[in-house]
Amino acid sequence: MKNETNGFAAFKWGLFVVLLLASQVAIGVAAIVLAGSDPTVAVVPGYHKKALMWDESVQLRQNSQELGWKVELRVLPGLNSSRLQWTVTDREGDEVDPLHGRVVMFHHARASEPIEFRIEDKLDGIDLDRAGYWQVEMTLDTNDASKRFFDSKLIDVKRAT
């Protein structure tokens, strides 16, 4: 009788330990699945390429500063979306025109979903369907490509109330 009781107790405690280990593995798998499927966690788009081209990036920023261009971003709030418009002016305050180049922008909560477009295709601005912080990176040049400019800005988009 005592042997049967000891055997049953050993089985219960062994099963308890196995269940604890299995639950720890299940929690770990659930954490990995949740972390991997969360769209708010992302690496900044093109980060590795940017890191490899650091020297060129520094040179472009210095050239942009010397050029004296200034980007003004305006957010026009709406109920369902906001409109982002921009103006690029030179050192004297005159508008730089015509502009060519590309814009890459992403919402901080969705960095894995960047919006990229040619600026000449969206001269009147772009609609943003999400409120919050947006990173806007503009690489611009003039019609004859003699002048190249880069600027990166953080904007806070709010909805109209």
N, C-alpha and C. Protein backbone atom coordinates (compact mmCIF):
# COMPACT_ATOMS: atom_id res chain seq x y z
N MET A 1 0.82 -1.19 0.00
CA MET A 1 0.00 0.00 0.00
C MET A 1 0.86 1.26 0.00
N LYS A 2 1.92 1.26 0.82
CA LYS A 2 2.78 2.42 0.91
C LYS A 2 3.51 2.66 -0.42
N ASN A 3 3.87 1.62 -1.13
CA ASN A 3 4.54 1.74 -2.41
C ASN A 3 3.63 2.39 -3.44
N GLU A 4 2.36 2.02 -3.44
CA GLU A 4 1.41 2.61 -4.38
C GLU A 4 1.23 4.10 -4.10
N THR A 5 1.17 4.47 -2.82
CA THR A 5 1.02 5.88 -2.44
C THR A 5 2.24 6.67 -2.85
N ASN A 6 3.43 6.14 -2.61
CA ASN A 6 4.66 6.83 -3.00
C ASN A 6 4.75 6.97 -4.51
N GLY A 7 4.34 5.93 -5.23
CA GLY A 7 4.38 5.98 -6.70
C GLY A 7 3.42 7.02 -7.24
N PHE A 8 2.22 7.10 -6.65
CA PHE A 8 1.24 8.09 -7.10
C PHE A 8 1.71 9.51 -6.78
N ALA A 9 2.31 9.72 -5.60
CA ALA A 9 2.84 11.04 -5.22
C ALA A 9 3.98 11.44 -6.15
N ALA A 10 4.84 10.47 -6.47
CA ALA A 10 5.96 10.76 -7.39
C ALA A 10 5.42 11.15 -8.77
N PHE A 11 4.37 10.44 -9.21
CA PHE A 11 3.76 10.76 -10.50
C PHE A 11 3.16 12.17 -10.49
N LYS A 12 2.43 12.52 -9.41
CA LYS A 12 1.82 13.85 -9.31
C LYS A 12 2.88 14.95 -9.32
N TRP A 13 3.96 14.78 -8.54
CA TRP A 13 5.00 15.81 -8.49
C TRP A 13 5.77 15.89 -9.81
N GLY A 14 5.99 14.76 -10.42
CA GLY A 14 6.65 14.76 -11.73
C GLY A 14 5.80 15.46 -12.78
N LEU A 15 4.49 15.17 -12.75
CA LEU A 15 3.57 15.83 -13.67
C LEU A 15 3.52 17.34 -13.41
N PHE A 16 3.55 17.73 -12.16
CA PHE A 16 3.55 19.15 -11.79
C PHE A 16 4.77 19.86 -12.38
N VAL A 17 5.95 19.26 -12.24
CA VAL A 17 7.19 19.85 -12.77
C VAL A 17 7.11 19.94 -14.30
N VAL A 18 6.62 18.89 -14.95
CA VAL A 18 6.51 18.89 -16.41
C VAL A 18 5.53 19.98 -16.86
N LEU A 19 4.41 20.15 -16.16
CA LEU A 19 3.44 21.19 -16.50
C LEU A 19 4.04 22.59 -16.31
N LEU A 20 4.82 22.78 -15.26
CA LEU A 20 5.49 24.08 -15.07
C LEU A 20 6.44 24.38 -16.22
N LEU A 21 7.24 23.39 -16.62
CA LEU A 21 8.17 23.59 -17.73
C LEU A 21 7.42 23.84 -19.05
N ALA A 22 6.35 23.09 -19.27
CA ALA A 22 5.57 23.26 -20.50
C ALA A 22 4.90 24.63 -20.53
N SER A 23 4.40 25.10 -19.38
CA SER A 23 3.77 26.42 -19.36
C SER A 23 4.80 27.51 -19.62
N GLN A 24 6.03 27.34 -19.13
CA GLN A 24 7.08 28.33 -19.39
C GLN A 24 7.41 28.38 -20.89
N VAL A 25 7.47 27.23 -21.52
CA VAL A 25 7.73 27.18 -22.97
C VAL A 25 6.56 27.82 -23.72
N ALA A 26 5.33 27.54 -23.32
CA ALA A 26 4.16 28.12 -23.99
C ALA A 26 4.14 29.64 -23.85
N ILE A 27 4.48 30.16 -22.68
CA ILE A 27 4.54 31.62 -22.48
C ILE A 27 5.63 32.23 -23.34
N GLY A 28 6.77 31.55 -23.44
CA GLY A 28 7.86 32.04 -24.29
C GLY A 28 7.47 32.09 -25.75
N VAL A 29 6.80 31.05 -26.23
CA VAL A 29 6.34 31.02 -27.63
C VAL A 29 5.31 32.13 -27.86
N ALA A 30 4.39 32.32 -26.93
CA ALA A 30 3.38 33.38 -27.07
C ALA A 30 4.05 34.75 -27.12
N ALA A 31 5.07 34.97 -26.29
CA ALA A 31 5.78 36.26 -26.28
C ALA A 31 6.49 36.49 -27.61
N ILE A 32 7.10 35.46 -28.17
CA ILE A 32 7.79 35.60 -29.45
C ILE A 32 6.80 35.91 -30.56
N VAL A 33 5.66 35.22 -30.57
CA VAL A 33 4.64 35.47 -31.60
C VAL A 33 4.10 36.89 -31.48
N LEU A 34 3.80 37.34 -30.26
CA LEU A 34 3.29 38.70 -30.08
C LEU A 34 4.32 39.74 -30.48
N ALA A 35 5.57 39.54 -30.10
CA ALA A 35 6.62 40.52 -30.44
C ALA A 35 6.86 40.57 -31.94
N GLY A 36 6.79 39.43 -32.61
CA GLY A 36 7.04 39.39 -34.05
C GLY A 36 5.89 39.90 -34.89
N SER A 37 4.69 39.90 -34.36
CA SER A 37 3.53 40.32 -35.16
C SER A 37 3.07 41.73 -34.83
N ASP A 38 3.72 42.41 -33.93
CA ASP A 38 3.33 43.77 -33.53
C ASP A 38 3.85 44.77 -34.56
N PRO A 39 2.95 45.46 -35.30
CA PRO A 39 3.41 46.39 -36.33
C PRO A 39 4.03 47.68 -35.76
N THR A 40 3.88 47.93 -34.48
CA THR A 40 4.45 49.15 -33.91
C THR A 40 5.93 49.01 -33.62
N VAL A 41 6.44 47.80 -33.62
CA VAL A 41 7.86 47.57 -33.36
C VAL A 41 8.53 47.33 -34.70
N ALA A 42 9.42 48.22 -35.08
CA ALA A 42 10.07 48.08 -36.39
C ALA A 42 11.40 48.82 -36.39
N VAL A 43 12.25 48.36 -37.25
CA VAL A 43 13.52 49.04 -37.47
C VAL A 43 13.26 50.18 -38.46
N VAL A 44 13.92 51.30 -38.28
CA VAL A 44 13.75 52.43 -39.19
C VAL A 44 14.09 51.97 -40.61
N PRO A 45 13.22 52.27 -41.58
CA PRO A 45 13.44 51.81 -42.95
C PRO A 45 14.79 52.25 -43.50
N GLY A 46 15.51 51.32 -44.12
CA GLY A 46 16.78 51.63 -44.75
C GLY A 46 17.90 51.98 -43.78
N TYR A 47 17.76 51.60 -42.53
CA TYR A 47 18.75 52.00 -41.52
C TYR A 47 20.14 51.47 -41.86
N HIS A 48 20.25 50.22 -42.29
CA HIS A 48 21.55 49.65 -42.58
C HIS A 48 22.24 50.39 -43.73
N LYS A 49 21.46 50.69 -44.77
CA LYS A 49 22.02 51.42 -45.92
C LYS A 49 22.47 52.82 -45.48
N LYS A 50 21.66 53.47 -44.62
CA LYS A 50 22.03 54.80 -44.11
C LYS A 50 23.33 54.73 -43.31
N ALA A 51 23.48 53.67 -42.54
CA ALA A 51 24.69 53.52 -41.73
C ALA A 51 25.91 53.33 -42.62
N LEU A 52 25.77 52.56 -43.68
CA LEU A 52 26.89 52.33 -44.59
C LEU A 52 27.28 53.59 -45.36
N MET A 53 26.31 54.47 -45.58
CA MET A 53 26.56 55.69 -46.35
C MET A 53 26.68 56.91 -45.43
N TRP A 54 27.22 56.73 -44.24
CA TRP A 54 27.29 57.80 -43.25
C TRP A 54 28.09 59.00 -43.75
N ASP A 55 29.25 58.75 -44.34
CA ASP A 55 30.09 59.86 -44.81
C ASP A 55 29.38 60.70 -45.87
N GLU A 56 28.72 60.02 -46.81
CA GLU A 56 27.99 60.74 -47.85
C GLU A 56 26.83 61.53 -47.24
N SER A 57 26.21 60.96 -46.22
CA SER A 57 25.10 61.63 -45.55
C SER A 57 25.56 62.90 -44.85
N VAL A 58 26.70 62.82 -44.17
CA VAL A 58 27.25 64.00 -43.49
C VAL A 58 27.59 65.08 -44.52
N GLN A 59 28.19 64.68 -45.63
CA GLN A 59 28.55 65.64 -46.67
C GLN A 59 27.30 66.30 -47.26
N LEU A 60 26.25 65.50 -47.49
CA LEU A 60 25.01 66.05 -48.03
C LEU A 60 24.38 67.04 -47.06
N ARG A 61 24.42 66.74 -45.78
CA ARG A 61 23.86 67.67 -44.77
C ARG A 61 24.66 68.97 -44.73
N GLN A 62 25.99 68.86 -44.84
CA GLN A 62 26.82 70.08 -44.85
C GLN A 62 26.53 70.91 -46.10
N ASN A 63 26.43 70.25 -47.24
CA ASN A 63 26.11 70.96 -48.49
C ASN A 63 24.73 71.61 -48.40
N SER A 64 23.79 70.92 -47.77
CA SER A 64 22.44 71.46 -47.61
C SER A 64 22.45 72.71 -46.75
N GLN A 65 23.26 72.69 -45.69
CA GLN A 65 23.37 73.87 -44.82
C GLN A 65 23.98 75.03 -45.57
N GLU A 66 25.01 74.76 -46.35
CA GLU A 66 25.66 75.82 -47.13
C GLU A 66 24.72 76.39 -48.18
N LEU A 67 23.86 75.53 -48.74
CA LEU A 67 22.91 75.97 -49.75
C LEU A 67 21.91 76.97 -49.18
N GLY A 68 21.55 76.81 -47.91
CA GLY A 68 20.68 77.77 -47.25
C GLY A 68 19.20 77.59 -47.50
N TRP A 69 18.81 76.47 -48.09
CA TRP A 69 17.40 76.23 -48.31
C TRP A 69 16.72 75.92 -46.99
N LYS A 70 15.44 76.23 -46.93
CA LYS A 70 14.67 75.98 -45.71
C LYS A 70 13.35 75.33 -46.10
N VAL A 71 13.00 74.24 -45.41
CA VAL A 71 11.73 73.55 -45.66
C VAL A 71 10.74 73.93 -44.57
N GLU A 72 9.58 74.40 -45.00
CA GLU A 72 8.51 74.70 -44.05
C GLU A 72 7.40 73.69 -44.31
N LEU A 73 7.07 72.91 -43.28
CA LEU A 73 5.98 71.94 -43.38
C LEU A 73 4.77 72.49 -42.67
N ARG A 74 3.62 72.42 -43.33
CA ARG A 74 2.36 72.87 -42.74
C ARG A 74 1.39 71.70 -42.71
N VAL A 75 0.76 71.52 -41.57
CA VAL A 75 -0.25 70.48 -41.43
C VAL A 75 -1.60 71.15 -41.32
N LEU A 76 -2.49 70.82 -42.25
CA LEU A 76 -3.85 71.35 -42.25
C LEU A 76 -4.76 70.26 -41.70
N PRO A 77 -5.19 70.39 -40.43
CA PRO A 77 -5.98 69.32 -39.81
C PRO A 77 -7.35 69.17 -40.44
N GLY A 78 -7.77 67.92 -40.56
CA GLY A 78 -9.12 67.60 -41.03
C GLY A 78 -9.74 66.59 -40.07
N LEU A 79 -10.98 66.22 -40.31
CA LEU A 79 -11.65 65.27 -39.42
C LEU A 79 -11.15 63.85 -39.61
N ASN A 80 -11.07 63.40 -40.87
CA ASN A 80 -10.65 62.03 -41.14
C ASN A 80 -9.19 61.92 -41.53
N SER A 81 -8.64 62.98 -42.06
CA SER A 81 -7.23 62.99 -42.43
C SER A 81 -6.73 64.43 -42.38
N SER A 82 -5.43 64.56 -42.30
CA SER A 82 -4.81 65.88 -42.32
C SER A 82 -3.99 66.00 -43.59
N ARG A 83 -3.83 67.23 -44.04
CA ARG A 83 -3.07 67.46 -45.28
C ARG A 83 -1.72 68.06 -44.92
N LEU A 84 -0.67 67.46 -45.44
CA LEU A 84 0.69 67.98 -45.25
C LEU A 84 1.10 68.71 -46.52
N GLN A 85 1.47 69.98 -46.35
CA GLN A 85 1.96 70.78 -47.46
C GLN A 85 3.34 71.32 -47.10
N TRP A 86 4.12 71.68 -48.10
CA TRP A 86 5.46 72.16 -47.86
C TRP A 86 5.81 73.30 -48.79
N THR A 87 6.74 74.08 -48.33
CA THR A 87 7.32 75.15 -49.12
C THR A 87 8.82 75.10 -48.90
N VAL A 88 9.58 75.22 -49.97
CA VAL A 88 11.04 75.25 -49.88
C VAL A 88 11.49 76.62 -50.34
N THR A 89 12.23 77.31 -49.47
CA THR A 89 12.71 78.65 -49.80
C THR A 89 14.23 78.68 -49.76
N ASP A 90 14.80 79.63 -50.51
CA ASP A 90 16.26 79.77 -50.50
C ASP A 90 16.67 80.75 -49.40
N ARG A 91 17.93 81.07 -49.39
CA ARG A 91 18.50 81.92 -48.34
C ARG A 91 17.82 83.29 -48.27
N GLU A 92 17.38 83.81 -49.41
CA GLU A 92 16.73 85.13 -49.45
C GLU A 92 15.23 85.06 -49.15
N GLY A 93 14.69 83.85 -48.99
CA GLY A 93 13.27 83.70 -48.70
C GLY A 93 12.41 83.49 -49.93
N ASP A 94 13.05 83.39 -51.11
CA ASP A 94 12.30 83.15 -52.35
C ASP A 94 12.03 81.65 -52.48
N GLU A 95 10.86 81.32 -53.01
CA GLU A 95 10.50 79.92 -53.17
C GLU A 95 11.38 79.26 -54.23
N VAL A 96 11.90 78.07 -53.92
CA VAL A 96 12.73 77.31 -54.86
C VAL A 96 11.79 76.54 -55.78
N ASP A 97 11.96 76.77 -57.08
CA ASP A 97 11.07 76.13 -58.02
C ASP A 97 11.78 75.98 -59.35
N PRO A 98 11.64 74.96 -60.09
CA PRO A 98 10.89 73.75 -59.78
C PRO A 98 11.73 72.78 -58.94
N LEU A 99 11.07 71.99 -58.16
CA LEU A 99 11.73 71.01 -57.32
C LEU A 99 11.52 69.61 -57.86
N HIS A 100 12.55 68.80 -57.67
CA HIS A 100 12.47 67.38 -57.98
C HIS A 100 13.09 66.65 -56.79
N GLY A 101 12.74 65.43 -56.66
CA GLY A 101 13.34 64.64 -55.58
C GLY A 101 12.33 63.69 -54.99
N ARG A 102 12.72 63.12 -53.86
CA ARG A 102 11.83 62.15 -53.24
C ARG A 102 11.63 62.46 -51.77
N VAL A 103 10.50 62.01 -51.29
CA VAL A 103 10.15 62.17 -49.88
C VAL A 103 9.87 60.78 -49.32
N VAL A 104 10.46 60.50 -48.17
CA VAL A 104 10.18 59.27 -47.45
C VAL A 104 9.66 59.70 -46.09
N MET A 105 8.51 59.18 -45.72
CA MET A 105 7.94 59.55 -44.43
C MET A 105 7.29 58.34 -43.79
N PHE A 106 7.32 58.31 -42.48
CA PHE A 106 6.68 57.21 -41.77
C PHE A 106 6.17 57.69 -40.42
N HIS A 107 5.09 57.08 -40.00
CA HIS A 107 4.51 57.36 -38.69
C HIS A 107 5.33 56.60 -37.65
N HIS A 108 5.58 57.21 -36.52
CA HIS A 108 6.41 56.56 -35.51
C HIS A 108 5.81 55.26 -34.99
N ALA A 109 4.49 55.13 -35.02
CA ALA A 109 3.86 53.89 -34.57
C ALA A 109 3.81 52.84 -35.68
N ARG A 110 4.21 53.20 -36.89
CA ARG A 110 4.19 52.26 -38.01
C ARG A 110 5.43 52.48 -38.89
N ALA A 111 6.59 52.41 -38.30
CA ALA A 111 7.82 52.66 -39.04
C ALA A 111 8.06 51.62 -40.13
N SER A 112 7.43 50.46 -40.00
CA SER A 112 7.61 49.42 -41.02
C SER A 112 6.76 49.68 -42.26
N GLU A 113 5.97 50.75 -42.25
CA GLU A 113 5.10 51.07 -43.38
C GLU A 113 5.40 52.48 -43.91
N PRO A 114 6.59 52.68 -44.49
CA PRO A 114 6.93 54.03 -44.97
C PRO A 114 6.12 54.42 -46.21
N ILE A 115 5.92 55.72 -46.35
CA ILE A 115 5.28 56.28 -47.55
C ILE A 115 6.40 56.97 -48.33
N GLU A 116 6.56 56.59 -49.58
CA GLU A 116 7.62 57.16 -50.40
C GLU A 116 7.01 57.66 -51.71
N PHE A 117 7.41 58.87 -52.13
CA PHE A 117 6.87 59.41 -53.37
C PHE A 117 7.83 60.45 -53.93
N ARG A 118 7.66 60.72 -55.22
CA ARG A 118 8.41 61.78 -55.90
C ARG A 118 7.69 63.09 -55.58
N ILE A 119 8.42 64.11 -55.21
CA ILE A 119 7.80 65.37 -54.80
C ILE A 119 7.07 66.05 -55.95
N GLU A 120 7.55 65.84 -57.18
CA GLU A 120 6.88 66.47 -58.31
C GLU A 120 5.51 65.84 -58.58
N ASP A 121 5.25 64.65 -58.04
CA ASP A 121 3.94 64.02 -58.19
C ASP A 121 2.93 64.50 -57.15
N LYS A 122 3.40 65.17 -56.12
CA LYS A 122 2.51 65.59 -55.02
C LYS A 122 2.76 67.05 -54.66
N LEU A 123 2.85 67.91 -55.64
CA LEU A 123 3.19 69.31 -55.39
C LEU A 123 2.18 70.02 -54.50
N ASP A 124 0.94 69.54 -54.50
CA ASP A 124 -0.08 70.20 -53.68
C ASP A 124 -0.19 69.60 -52.28
N GLY A 125 0.67 68.63 -51.96
CA GLY A 125 0.67 68.05 -50.62
C GLY A 125 0.20 66.61 -50.63
N ILE A 126 0.10 66.04 -49.44
CA ILE A 126 -0.30 64.64 -49.28
C ILE A 126 -1.21 64.52 -48.07
N ASP A 127 -2.19 63.63 -48.17
CA ASP A 127 -3.10 63.39 -47.05
C ASP A 127 -2.50 62.35 -46.10
N LEU A 128 -2.59 62.63 -44.82
CA LEU A 128 -2.11 61.71 -43.78
C LEU A 128 -3.32 61.20 -43.01
N ASP A 129 -3.48 59.90 -42.96
CA ASP A 129 -4.67 59.32 -42.34
C ASP A 129 -4.48 58.96 -40.87
N ARG A 130 -3.34 59.30 -40.31
CA ARG A 130 -3.06 58.93 -38.93
C ARG A 130 -2.50 60.13 -38.17
N ALA A 131 -3.07 60.41 -37.01
CA ALA A 131 -2.55 61.48 -36.16
C ALA A 131 -1.33 60.96 -35.40
N GLY A 132 -0.49 61.88 -34.94
CA GLY A 132 0.68 61.48 -34.17
C GLY A 132 1.96 62.00 -34.80
N TYR A 133 3.08 61.43 -34.38
CA TYR A 133 4.39 61.87 -34.86
C TYR A 133 4.76 61.19 -36.17
N TRP A 134 5.18 62.01 -37.14
CA TRP A 134 5.65 61.54 -38.44
C TRP A 134 7.07 62.02 -38.65
N GLN A 135 7.91 61.17 -39.19
CA GLN A 135 9.26 61.53 -39.61
C GLN A 135 9.19 61.79 -41.11
N VAL A 136 9.65 62.96 -41.55
CA VAL A 136 9.62 63.34 -42.96
C VAL A 136 11.06 63.61 -43.41
N GLU A 137 11.51 62.86 -44.41
CA GLU A 137 12.86 63.04 -44.96
C GLU A 137 12.74 63.41 -46.43
N MET A 138 13.28 64.58 -46.78
CA MET A 138 13.18 65.09 -48.15
C MET A 138 14.57 65.19 -48.75
N THR A 139 14.74 64.59 -49.92
CA THR A 139 15.96 64.74 -50.70
C THR A 139 15.55 65.44 -51.99
N LEU A 140 15.99 66.67 -52.17
CA LEU A 140 15.50 67.52 -53.26
C LEU A 140 16.66 68.02 -54.11
N ASP A 141 16.34 68.32 -55.37
CA ASP A 141 17.30 69.01 -56.21
C ASP A 141 16.55 69.88 -57.21
N THR A 142 17.28 70.78 -57.82
CA THR A 142 16.67 71.70 -58.78
C THR A 142 16.48 70.98 -60.11
N ASN A 143 15.84 71.65 -61.03
CA ASN A 143 15.51 71.07 -62.33
C ASN A 143 16.76 70.57 -63.06
N ASP A 144 17.85 71.32 -62.97
CA ASP A 144 19.07 70.93 -63.67
C ASP A 144 19.97 70.04 -62.80
N ALA A 145 19.52 69.67 -61.61
CA ALA A 145 20.24 68.79 -60.67
C ALA A 145 21.59 69.36 -60.24
N SER A 146 21.75 70.66 -60.34
CA SER A 146 23.02 71.27 -59.93
C SER A 146 23.10 71.46 -58.42
N LYS A 147 21.97 71.51 -57.76
CA LYS A 147 21.94 71.70 -56.31
C LYS A 147 21.14 70.58 -55.68
N ARG A 148 21.71 69.96 -54.65
CA ARG A 148 21.05 68.86 -53.95
C ARG A 148 20.88 69.23 -52.48
N PHE A 149 19.73 68.90 -51.91
CA PHE A 149 19.37 69.31 -50.57
C PHE A 149 18.73 68.15 -49.83
N PHE A 150 19.03 68.03 -48.54
CA PHE A 150 18.40 67.00 -47.70
C PHE A 150 17.95 67.64 -46.40
N ASP A 151 16.76 67.25 -45.95
CA ASP A 151 16.26 67.72 -44.65
C ASP A 151 15.40 66.62 -44.06
N SER A 152 15.48 66.49 -42.75
CA SER A 152 14.68 65.52 -42.02
C SER A 152 13.99 66.25 -40.89
N LYS A 153 12.67 66.07 -40.81
CA LYS A 153 11.90 66.79 -39.79
C LYS A 153 10.94 65.83 -39.10
N LEU A 154 10.65 66.15 -37.86
CA LEU A 154 9.65 65.44 -37.09
C LEU A 154 8.45 66.37 -36.95
N ILE A 155 7.28 65.88 -37.34
CA ILE A 155 6.07 66.71 -37.24
C ILE A 155 5.03 65.98 -36.39
N ASP A 156 4.21 66.75 -35.73
CA ASP A 156 3.12 66.22 -34.92
C ASP A 156 1.81 66.55 -35.62
N VAL A 157 1.13 65.53 -36.10
CA VAL A 157 -0.12 65.72 -36.83
C VAL A 157 -1.28 65.54 -35.86
N LYS A 158 -2.13 66.55 -35.82
CA LYS A 158 -3.31 66.52 -34.94
C LYS A 158 -4.57 66.54 -35.80
N ARG A 159 -5.64 66.02 -35.26
CA ARG A 159 -6.94 66.02 -35.94
C ARG A 159 -7.73 67.26 -35.53
N ALA A 160 -8.55 67.74 -36.44
CA ALA A 160 -9.45 68.85 -36.10
C ALA A 160 -10.51 68.34 -35.14
N THR A 161 -10.88 69.18 -34.19
CA THR A 161 -11.88 68.74 -33.21
C THR A 161 -13.20 69.42 -33.45
